[in-house]
Protein backbone atom coordinates (compact mmCIF):
# COMPACT_ATOMS: atom_id res chain seq x y z
CA MET A 1 -32.77 -63.88 21.32
CA THR A 2 -29.52 -62.13 22.28
CA PRO A 3 -26.00 -62.87 21.02
CA SER A 4 -25.28 -64.67 24.30
CA THR A 5 -28.29 -66.97 24.06
CA VAL A 6 -27.43 -70.66 24.43
CA ARG A 7 -29.07 -72.62 21.62
CA VAL A 8 -30.13 -76.13 22.60
CA LEU A 9 -31.21 -79.24 20.70
CA LEU A 10 -33.19 -81.92 22.57
CA ALA A 11 -33.03 -85.53 21.41
CA ASP A 12 -35.22 -88.07 23.22
CA ASP A 13 -37.75 -90.55 21.87
CA GLU A 14 -40.11 -89.89 24.80
CA GLU A 15 -42.22 -86.84 24.03
CA MET A 16 -43.06 -86.30 27.70
CA ILE A 17 -39.35 -86.04 28.52
CA ARG A 18 -38.83 -83.53 25.70
CA ARG A 19 -41.80 -81.48 26.81
CA GLY A 20 -40.59 -81.40 30.40
CA VAL A 21 -37.03 -80.42 29.49
CA GLU A 22 -38.23 -77.82 27.00
CA MET A 23 -40.55 -76.29 29.61
CA ILE A 24 -37.72 -76.00 32.13
CA LEU A 25 -35.24 -74.51 29.67
CA SER A 26 -37.75 -72.11 28.12
CA HIS A 27 -38.11 -70.38 31.49
CA ALA A 28 -34.35 -70.01 31.93
CA GLU A 29 -32.81 -66.71 30.97
CA GLY A 30 -30.46 -66.87 28.02
CA ILE A 31 -31.43 -70.37 26.85
CA GLU A 32 -33.48 -71.26 23.77
CA VAL A 33 -34.54 -74.71 22.55
CA VAL A 34 -34.11 -74.47 18.79
CA ALA A 35 -34.94 -78.05 17.75
CA GLU A 36 -36.27 -81.37 19.06
CA ALA A 37 -35.53 -84.86 17.74
CA ALA A 38 -37.09 -88.25 18.45
CA ASN A 39 -34.05 -90.28 17.38
CA GLY A 40 -30.35 -89.92 16.74
CA GLU A 41 -30.69 -89.61 12.97
CA GLN A 42 -32.98 -86.61 13.38
CA ALA A 43 -30.64 -85.18 15.99
CA VAL A 44 -27.70 -85.16 13.59
CA GLU A 45 -29.78 -83.67 10.77
CA LEU A 46 -31.28 -80.95 12.98
CA ALA A 47 -27.94 -80.14 14.57
CA ALA A 48 -26.43 -79.59 11.12
CA LEU A 49 -29.38 -77.36 10.21
CA HIS A 50 -29.80 -75.32 13.42
CA ARG A 51 -26.18 -75.32 14.68
CA PRO A 52 -27.02 -75.54 18.40
CA ASP A 53 -24.46 -74.78 21.08
CA VAL A 54 -25.55 -77.74 23.20
CA ALA A 55 -27.20 -81.04 22.29
CA LEU A 56 -28.97 -82.95 25.07
CA VAL A 57 -29.07 -86.52 23.77
CA ASP A 58 -30.79 -89.56 25.24
CA ILE A 59 -28.64 -92.69 25.15
CA ARG A 60 -31.43 -95.08 24.14
CA MET A 61 -33.40 -94.08 21.02
CA PRO A 62 -34.74 -95.85 17.92
CA VAL A 63 -33.38 -95.63 14.33
CA LEU A 64 -30.01 -94.33 15.55
CA ASP A 65 -29.33 -94.36 19.27
CA GLY A 66 -27.59 -91.59 21.15
CA LEU A 67 -24.32 -93.50 21.38
CA ALA A 68 -24.05 -93.86 17.62
CA ALA A 69 -25.05 -90.23 17.16
CA VAL A 70 -22.23 -88.82 19.33
CA PRO A 71 -19.32 -89.18 16.85
CA ARG A 72 -21.49 -87.78 14.08
CA LEU A 73 -22.52 -84.81 16.21
CA VAL A 74 -18.99 -83.95 17.33
CA ALA A 75 -17.81 -84.22 13.71
CA LEU A 76 -20.11 -81.36 12.65
CA ASP A 77 -18.65 -77.92 11.98
CA PRO A 78 -19.43 -76.19 14.21
CA ALA A 79 -19.97 -79.07 16.62
CA PRO A 80 -22.35 -78.79 19.56
CA GLN A 81 -21.33 -79.70 23.08
CA VAL A 82 -23.02 -83.09 23.52
CA VAL A 83 -24.48 -83.94 26.93
CA MET A 84 -25.91 -87.44 27.34
CA LEU A 85 -29.19 -87.93 29.23
CA THR A 86 -28.92 -91.13 31.20
CA THR A 87 -30.17 -93.18 34.13
CA PHE A 88 -28.38 -95.09 36.87
CA GLY A 89 -26.85 -98.30 35.59
CA ASP A 90 -25.76 -96.85 32.24
CA ASP A 91 -22.10 -96.49 33.22
CA GLN A 92 -20.76 -98.57 30.35
CA ASN A 93 -22.72 -96.59 27.78
CA VAL A 94 -21.70 -93.29 29.34
CA VAL A 95 -18.03 -94.29 29.14
CA ARG A 96 -18.42 -95.04 25.44
CA ALA A 97 -20.08 -91.67 24.85
CA LEU A 98 -17.34 -89.81 26.72
CA ARG A 99 -14.62 -91.63 24.79
CA ASP A 100 -16.38 -90.66 21.55
CA GLY A 101 -16.34 -86.97 22.46
CA ALA A 102 -19.41 -86.21 24.57
CA THR A 103 -18.94 -83.30 26.96
CA GLY A 104 -20.56 -85.17 29.83
CA PHE A 105 -23.72 -86.73 31.14
CA LEU A 106 -26.76 -85.75 33.15
CA LEU A 107 -29.15 -87.99 35.06
CA LYS A 108 -32.74 -87.72 33.85
CA ASP A 109 -34.03 -87.24 37.38
CA GLU A 110 -31.85 -84.20 38.10
CA GLY A 111 -33.74 -81.11 39.25
CA PRO A 112 -34.58 -78.10 37.04
CA GLN A 113 -31.73 -75.96 38.35
CA GLU A 114 -29.21 -78.75 37.78
CA LEU A 115 -30.45 -79.09 34.19
CA ILE A 116 -30.15 -75.35 33.55
CA SER A 117 -26.71 -75.20 35.14
CA ALA A 118 -25.57 -78.17 33.08
CA VAL A 119 -26.63 -76.51 29.82
CA ARG A 120 -24.83 -73.30 30.74
CA ALA A 121 -21.73 -75.18 31.84
CA ALA A 122 -21.61 -77.18 28.61
CA ALA A 123 -22.05 -74.04 26.53
CA SER A 124 -19.10 -72.42 28.30
CA GLY A 125 -16.91 -75.44 27.58
CA ASP A 126 -17.03 -77.07 31.00
CA ALA A 127 -17.53 -80.79 31.49
CA VAL A 128 -20.97 -81.85 32.74
CA LEU A 129 -20.78 -84.82 35.09
CA SER A 130 -23.64 -85.77 37.40
CA PRO A 131 -22.14 -86.18 40.91
CA GLY A 132 -24.20 -89.28 41.63
CA VAL A 133 -22.40 -91.43 39.08
CA THR A 134 -19.21 -89.51 38.22
CA GLY A 135 -17.00 -91.61 40.49
CA SER A 136 -18.09 -94.96 39.09
CA VAL A 137 -17.80 -93.75 35.50
CA ILE A 138 -14.31 -92.34 35.97
CA ARG A 139 -13.22 -95.56 37.70
CA ARG A 140 -14.59 -97.60 34.81
CA MET A 141 -12.79 -95.40 32.29
CA LEU A 142 -9.51 -95.68 34.14
CA SER A 143 -9.82 -99.42 34.73
CA GLY A 144 -10.28 -99.99 31.01
CA ALA A 145 -7.42 -97.73 30.02
CA THR A 146 -4.03 -98.97 29.00
CA PRO A 147 -1.48 -98.12 31.71
CA SER A 148 0.50 -95.05 30.75
CA SER A 149 4.12 -95.24 29.77
CA PRO A 150 6.63 -92.92 28.06
CA SER A 151 5.61 -94.45 24.73
CA THR A 152 1.85 -93.89 25.15
CA ALA A 153 0.49 -90.99 27.20
CA HIS A 154 3.67 -88.93 27.56
CA PRO A 155 4.29 -88.23 23.84
CA ARG A 156 0.80 -86.72 23.62
CA LEU A 157 1.81 -84.22 26.32
CA ALA A 158 5.25 -83.41 24.94
CA SER A 159 4.16 -80.33 23.00
CA LEU A 160 2.24 -78.75 25.89
CA THR A 161 3.62 -75.62 27.51
CA ASP A 162 4.14 -75.51 31.26
CA ARG A 163 0.96 -73.48 31.67
CA GLU A 164 -1.02 -75.93 29.53
CA ARG A 165 0.25 -78.77 31.72
CA GLU A 166 -1.01 -76.91 34.78
CA VAL A 167 -4.42 -76.46 33.17
CA LEU A 168 -4.49 -80.12 32.10
CA ALA A 169 -3.76 -81.24 35.66
CA MET A 170 -6.70 -79.16 36.89
CA LEU A 171 -8.92 -80.64 34.18
CA GLY A 172 -7.94 -84.01 35.63
CA GLN A 173 -9.24 -82.81 38.98
CA GLY A 174 -12.60 -81.98 37.38
CA LEU A 175 -12.27 -78.22 37.87
CA ALA A 176 -14.42 -75.84 35.82
CA ASN A 177 -12.90 -73.02 33.76
CA ALA A 178 -13.80 -70.40 36.36
CA ASP A 179 -12.14 -72.44 39.13
CA ILE A 180 -9.00 -72.91 37.05
CA ALA A 181 -8.91 -69.19 36.30
CA ARG A 182 -9.14 -68.29 39.98
CA SER A 183 -6.50 -70.82 40.96
CA LEU A 184 -4.00 -69.62 38.36
CA GLY A 185 -4.87 -65.93 38.57
CA ILE A 186 -5.78 -65.65 34.90
CA GLY A 187 -8.94 -64.84 32.95
CA VAL A 188 -11.59 -67.39 32.01
CA GLY A 189 -11.02 -66.52 28.34
CA THR A 190 -7.35 -67.38 28.74
CA VAL A 191 -8.29 -70.71 30.32
CA LYS A 192 -10.54 -71.48 27.35
CA THR A 193 -7.66 -70.70 25.01
CA HIS A 194 -5.40 -73.07 26.93
CA VAL A 195 -8.06 -75.80 26.95
CA GLY A 196 -8.50 -75.45 23.20
CA ALA A 197 -4.75 -75.78 22.70
CA ILE A 198 -4.64 -78.85 24.96
CA LEU A 199 -7.42 -80.57 23.04
CA GLU A 200 -5.74 -79.86 19.71
CA LYS A 201 -2.25 -80.90 20.80
CA THR A 202 -3.34 -84.10 22.55
CA GLY A 203 -5.89 -85.14 19.95
CA SER A 204 -8.69 -85.07 22.52
CA THR A 205 -12.23 -84.28 21.35
CA SER A 206 -13.49 -83.15 24.77
CA ARG A 207 -12.16 -81.96 28.10
CA VAL A 208 -13.35 -85.25 29.59
CA GLN A 209 -10.95 -87.13 27.29
CA ALA A 210 -8.21 -84.67 28.26
CA ALA A 211 -8.96 -85.24 31.94
CA LEU A 212 -8.66 -88.99 31.42
CA LEU A 213 -5.31 -88.45 29.69
CA ALA A 214 -4.16 -86.41 32.69
CA HIS A 215 -4.95 -89.37 34.95
CA GLN A 216 -3.20 -91.82 32.63
CA ALA A 217 -0.06 -89.70 32.48
CA THR A 218 0.41 -89.46 36.26
């Protein structure tokens, strides 16, 4: 294992799913599966023990489901980037997970390369949103949001610098850190610093929540 290795925790009650995901990730350079859990309770315990960079968490599990595990996972220090494993038709559950701080979601029938790319993207701080259902999830999130006004969304943006506002607007467009860096002519590390400041100043627990705030504030 090298210092740049992405450490992953898998949480799914179906052993065949875990085996398949583990097999794919074990053949990817720079990724290591450090723990596997069959329910959300185990996921939280193992995440606290192994401190993974990314947690791939199934939504539906016994004992403690993935939805209930999300706030507990993101409350850890350090907290993993939580990516929900889902199927079509789970939009409502995905929205709840994103609001609770999940980095994004991945369809279970995505291909091996999509899975590997998603893990790497999450580890680098980018949102992970499966294209097949992103539109419907974002629409559901926005339709359930309280309309923005100077007394709601705007005060949360008041302390942002002009550059942070630019970055936030690009988060709202779904751009990755590398794309934001190219667009603004700055380094990826600088983008990450700005994203971190945005999350702290707006009280957002993930870039997905920040992106939703960007939509609400327009």
